[in-house]
């Protein structure tokens, strides 16, 4: 799958809902009920970050939930991409991009959402064929004003801003023409997961799914 086809596939996923939950799963028992709560709340596209020991197992468990479109986040290397693909991930998300990672995702037919934070990084990804990117870290990199500024010279790029995005500012990003969706962890707070408050998470997901764009 070429970078252009990867970006097309990722953009289609980004358009399914205004928010992609960014999930840090500490307990494997949380994976399945969490996926059900988020999907039932209207957020079908889920990013499980590879930051915990059970992340790969969680991807496999969540991929079996009806309606869930599960990807791996914090994919930093070819090895990460291979593990994610074998676990059932439909896509990979990275905070940046390297030639080795891009080549691995191309070889694996694993759609990659590569990260960029500057005009030069966006231009480099466009040269490779990527048109859908993660804007990270969104807040420290300039937030919605930065993305608005990038749209003028680089209108062919679409973004999923992540990092410092919450319910209070998601609308600022979603109102921009070059933002396909946002990524955020606020829809699955760690305390709610520990408490097994799946109804509460479902309500947060429902509110997020109604954000205008």
Protein backbone atom coordinates (compact mmCIF):
# COMPACT_ATOMS: atom_id res chain seq x y z
CA UNK A 1 0.00 0.00 0.00
CA UNK A 2 1.59 3.24 -1.15
CA UNK A 3 1.70 6.32 1.12
CA UNK A 4 -1.02 7.91 -1.01
CA UNK A 5 -3.31 4.92 -0.54
CA UNK A 6 -2.45 4.82 3.16
CA UNK A 7 -3.47 8.46 3.53
CA UNK A 8 -6.71 7.81 1.65
CA UNK A 9 -7.55 4.93 4.00
CA UNK A 10 -6.65 6.94 7.11
CA UNK A 11 -8.67 9.95 5.97
CA UNK A 12 -11.72 7.71 5.52
CA UNK A 13 -11.31 6.52 9.12
CA UNK A 14 -10.85 10.09 10.38
CA UNK A 15 -14.14 11.08 8.79
CA UNK A 16 -16.13 8.43 10.67
CA UNK A 17 -16.28 10.55 13.85
CA UNK A 18 -14.98 13.92 15.03
CA UNK A 19 -12.83 12.35 17.75
CA UNK A 20 -10.43 9.42 17.83
CA UNK A 21 -9.96 8.32 21.46
CA UNK A 22 -6.29 8.03 22.41
CA UNK A 23 -6.23 5.13 24.84
CA UNK A 24 -3.62 4.12 27.43
CA UNK A 25 -4.80 0.74 28.67
CA UNK A 26 -3.17 -0.52 31.86
CA UNK A 27 -5.39 -3.56 32.48
CA UNK A 28 -6.30 -6.04 29.76
CA UNK A 29 -9.69 -6.60 31.41
CA UNK A 30 -10.57 -3.01 30.51
CA UNK A 31 -10.05 -3.45 26.77
CA UNK A 32 -13.29 -5.08 25.68
CA UNK A 33 -15.77 -3.13 27.83
CA UNK A 34 -13.96 0.09 26.95
CA UNK A 35 -14.29 -0.63 23.24
CA UNK A 36 -17.99 -1.40 23.64
CA UNK A 37 -18.58 1.85 25.57
CA UNK A 38 -16.77 4.02 23.03
CA UNK A 39 -18.35 2.41 19.97
CA UNK A 40 -21.83 2.55 21.52
CA UNK A 41 -21.17 6.20 22.34
CA UNK A 42 -20.50 6.94 18.69
CA UNK A 43 -16.71 6.78 18.46
CA UNK A 44 -15.79 3.70 16.39
CA UNK A 45 -12.15 4.54 15.58
CA UNK A 46 -9.87 3.73 18.52
CA UNK A 47 -6.16 4.36 18.97
CA UNK A 48 -4.47 2.08 21.54
CA UNK A 49 -1.09 3.53 22.41
CA UNK A 50 1.83 1.10 22.66
CA UNK A 51 2.85 2.52 26.04
CA UNK A 52 1.79 -0.35 28.27
CA UNK A 53 2.66 -4.00 28.59
CA UNK A 54 -0.81 -5.16 27.58
CA UNK A 55 -1.31 -2.80 24.62
CA UNK A 56 -0.81 -5.42 21.92
CA UNK A 57 -3.14 -7.85 23.67
CA UNK A 58 -5.66 -5.03 24.09
CA UNK A 59 -5.61 -4.32 20.35
CA UNK A 60 -6.46 -7.95 19.66
CA UNK A 61 -9.30 -7.93 22.18
CA UNK A 62 -10.78 -4.65 20.96
CA UNK A 63 -10.51 -5.61 17.31
CA UNK A 64 -13.07 -8.33 18.00
CA UNK A 65 -15.70 -5.85 19.19
CA UNK A 66 -18.39 -5.28 16.57
CA UNK A 67 -18.07 -1.85 14.97
CA UNK A 68 -14.63 -1.07 16.39
CA UNK A 69 -11.89 0.13 14.03
CA UNK A 70 -8.77 -0.33 16.12
CA UNK A 71 -5.33 1.09 15.46
CA UNK A 72 -2.02 1.28 17.28
CA UNK A 73 -0.61 4.56 18.56
CA UNK A 74 2.95 5.51 19.51
CA UNK A 75 4.26 3.31 16.68
CA UNK A 76 7.93 4.22 16.53
CA UNK A 77 9.62 1.48 14.53
CA UNK A 78 9.18 -1.28 11.99
CA UNK A 79 9.03 -3.74 14.89
CA UNK A 80 6.14 -1.82 16.45
CA UNK A 81 4.32 -1.78 13.11
CA UNK A 82 4.76 -5.53 12.67
CA UNK A 83 3.47 -6.28 16.17
CA UNK A 84 0.49 -3.99 15.67
CA UNK A 85 -0.41 -5.50 12.31
CA UNK A 86 -0.21 -9.05 13.62
CA UNK A 87 -2.41 -8.08 16.58
CA UNK A 88 -5.16 -6.93 14.24
CA UNK A 89 -4.55 -3.17 14.05
CA UNK A 90 -6.15 -1.53 11.02
CA UNK A 91 -3.87 1.49 11.13
CA UNK A 92 -0.81 2.91 12.87
CA UNK A 93 -0.24 6.35 14.39
CA UNK A 94 3.18 7.84 15.05
CA UNK A 95 4.25 11.09 16.74
CA UNK A 96 6.67 11.65 13.86
CA UNK A 97 7.92 9.83 10.79
CA UNK A 98 11.08 8.03 9.71
CA UNK A 99 11.99 6.40 6.39
CA UNK A 100 12.20 2.98 8.09
CA UNK A 101 8.74 3.30 9.61
CA UNK A 102 7.20 4.50 6.36
CA UNK A 103 8.80 1.63 4.45
CA UNK A 104 7.60 -0.92 7.00
CA UNK A 105 4.00 0.30 6.86
CA UNK A 106 4.11 0.25 3.08
CA UNK A 107 5.40 -3.34 3.10
CA UNK A 108 2.81 -4.40 5.69
CA UNK A 109 -0.13 -2.69 3.96
CA UNK A 110 -0.70 -0.91 7.27
CA UNK A 111 -2.10 2.61 6.83
CA UNK A 112 0.09 5.09 8.69
CA UNK A 113 -0.94 8.41 10.21
CA UNK A 114 2.51 10.03 10.49
CA UNK A 115 3.20 12.95 12.78
CA UNK A 116 4.30 16.43 11.78
CA UNK A 117 4.65 19.69 13.71
CA UNK A 118 6.30 22.11 11.27
CA UNK A 119 5.86 23.25 7.68
CA UNK A 120 9.07 21.46 6.68
CA UNK A 121 7.87 18.18 8.18
CA UNK A 122 4.52 18.52 6.40
CA UNK A 123 6.29 19.23 3.10
CA UNK A 124 8.55 16.19 3.56
CA UNK A 125 5.55 13.93 4.13
CA UNK A 126 3.72 15.40 1.15
CA UNK A 127 6.74 14.60 -1.02
CA UNK A 128 6.48 10.97 0.10
CA UNK A 129 2.78 10.87 -0.79
CA UNK A 130 1.21 11.31 2.65
CA UNK A 131 -1.64 13.81 2.71
CA UNK A 132 -3.25 12.87 6.02
CA UNK A 133 -1.10 13.54 9.07
CA UNK A 134 -1.14 13.76 12.82
CA UNK A 135 -0.39 17.29 14.08
CA UNK A 136 1.57 16.61 17.26
CA UNK A 137 2.03 17.91 19.87
CA UNK A 138 -0.85 20.15 18.86
CA UNK A 139 -0.89 22.52 21.83
CA UNK A 140 2.85 23.16 22.19
CA UNK A 141 3.25 23.29 18.38
CA UNK A 142 0.92 26.26 18.06
CA UNK A 143 -2.57 24.82 18.31
CA UNK A 144 -5.41 25.79 16.03
CA UNK A 145 -3.74 29.07 14.92
CA UNK A 146 -0.75 27.09 13.63
CA UNK A 147 -2.96 24.73 11.64
CA UNK A 148 -4.91 27.66 10.25
CA UNK A 149 -1.63 29.22 9.11
CA UNK A 150 -0.45 25.97 7.50
CA UNK A 151 -3.62 25.71 5.43
CA UNK A 152 -2.72 28.69 3.26
CA UNK A 153 0.51 27.37 1.72
CA UNK A 154 -0.25 23.66 2.23
CA UNK A 155 -3.98 23.18 1.58
CA UNK A 156 -3.52 19.62 0.33
CA UNK A 157 -2.63 18.37 3.82
CA UNK A 158 -5.31 17.16 6.27
CA UNK A 159 -4.65 16.73 9.96
CA UNK A 160 -5.69 14.94 13.12
CA UNK A 161 -4.36 17.21 15.89
CA UNK A 162 -3.45 15.41 19.11
CA UNK A 163 -1.76 16.57 22.28
CA UNK A 164 -3.43 19.14 24.50
CA UNK A 165 -6.79 18.65 22.79
CA UNK A 166 -9.86 18.43 25.01
CA UNK A 167 -13.56 19.11 24.97
CA UNK A 168 -12.93 22.79 25.70
CA UNK A 169 -10.84 23.43 22.57
CA UNK A 170 -11.73 20.59 20.18
CA UNK A 171 -14.18 22.83 18.37
CA UNK A 172 -11.43 25.33 17.56
CA UNK A 173 -9.62 22.60 15.62
CA UNK A 174 -12.68 20.96 14.08
CA UNK A 175 -13.82 24.26 12.58
CA UNK A 176 -10.68 24.41 10.40
CA UNK A 177 -10.88 23.21 6.78
CA UNK A 178 -7.69 21.15 7.07
CA UNK A 179 -8.74 19.21 10.19
CA UNK A 180 -10.42 15.85 9.56
CA UNK A 181 -10.83 14.94 13.25
CA UNK A 182 -9.05 15.33 16.56
CA UNK A 183 -7.42 12.82 18.87
CA UNK A 184 -7.87 13.00 22.62
CA UNK A 185 -7.76 11.02 25.83
CA UNK A 186 -10.49 12.92 27.67
CA UNK A 187 -13.18 10.46 26.56
CA UNK A 188 -11.56 7.62 28.52
CA UNK A 189 -10.13 9.00 31.78
CA UNK A 190 -7.89 6.64 33.71
CA UNK A 191 -9.97 7.04 36.88
CA UNK A 192 -13.14 6.02 35.06
CA UNK A 193 -11.43 2.97 33.59
CA UNK A 194 -10.12 1.93 36.99
CA UNK A 195 -13.62 2.33 38.43
CA UNK A 196 -15.21 0.40 35.57
CA UNK A 197 -17.47 3.37 34.84
CA UNK A 198 -18.31 2.29 31.31
CA UNK A 199 -21.63 4.16 31.36
CA UNK A 200 -19.77 7.37 32.16
CA UNK A 201 -17.30 6.76 29.34
CA UNK A 202 -20.16 6.02 26.97
CA UNK A 203 -21.69 9.40 27.87
CA UNK A 204 -18.37 11.18 27.26
CA UNK A 205 -18.05 9.44 23.91
CA UNK A 206 -21.59 10.43 22.97
CA UNK A 207 -20.88 14.08 23.75
CA UNK A 208 -17.67 13.95 21.73
CA UNK A 209 -19.43 12.29 18.79
CA UNK A 210 -21.79 15.28 18.55
CA UNK A 211 -19.05 17.90 18.18
CA UNK A 212 -19.68 19.92 15.01
CA UNK A 213 -17.17 19.96 12.19
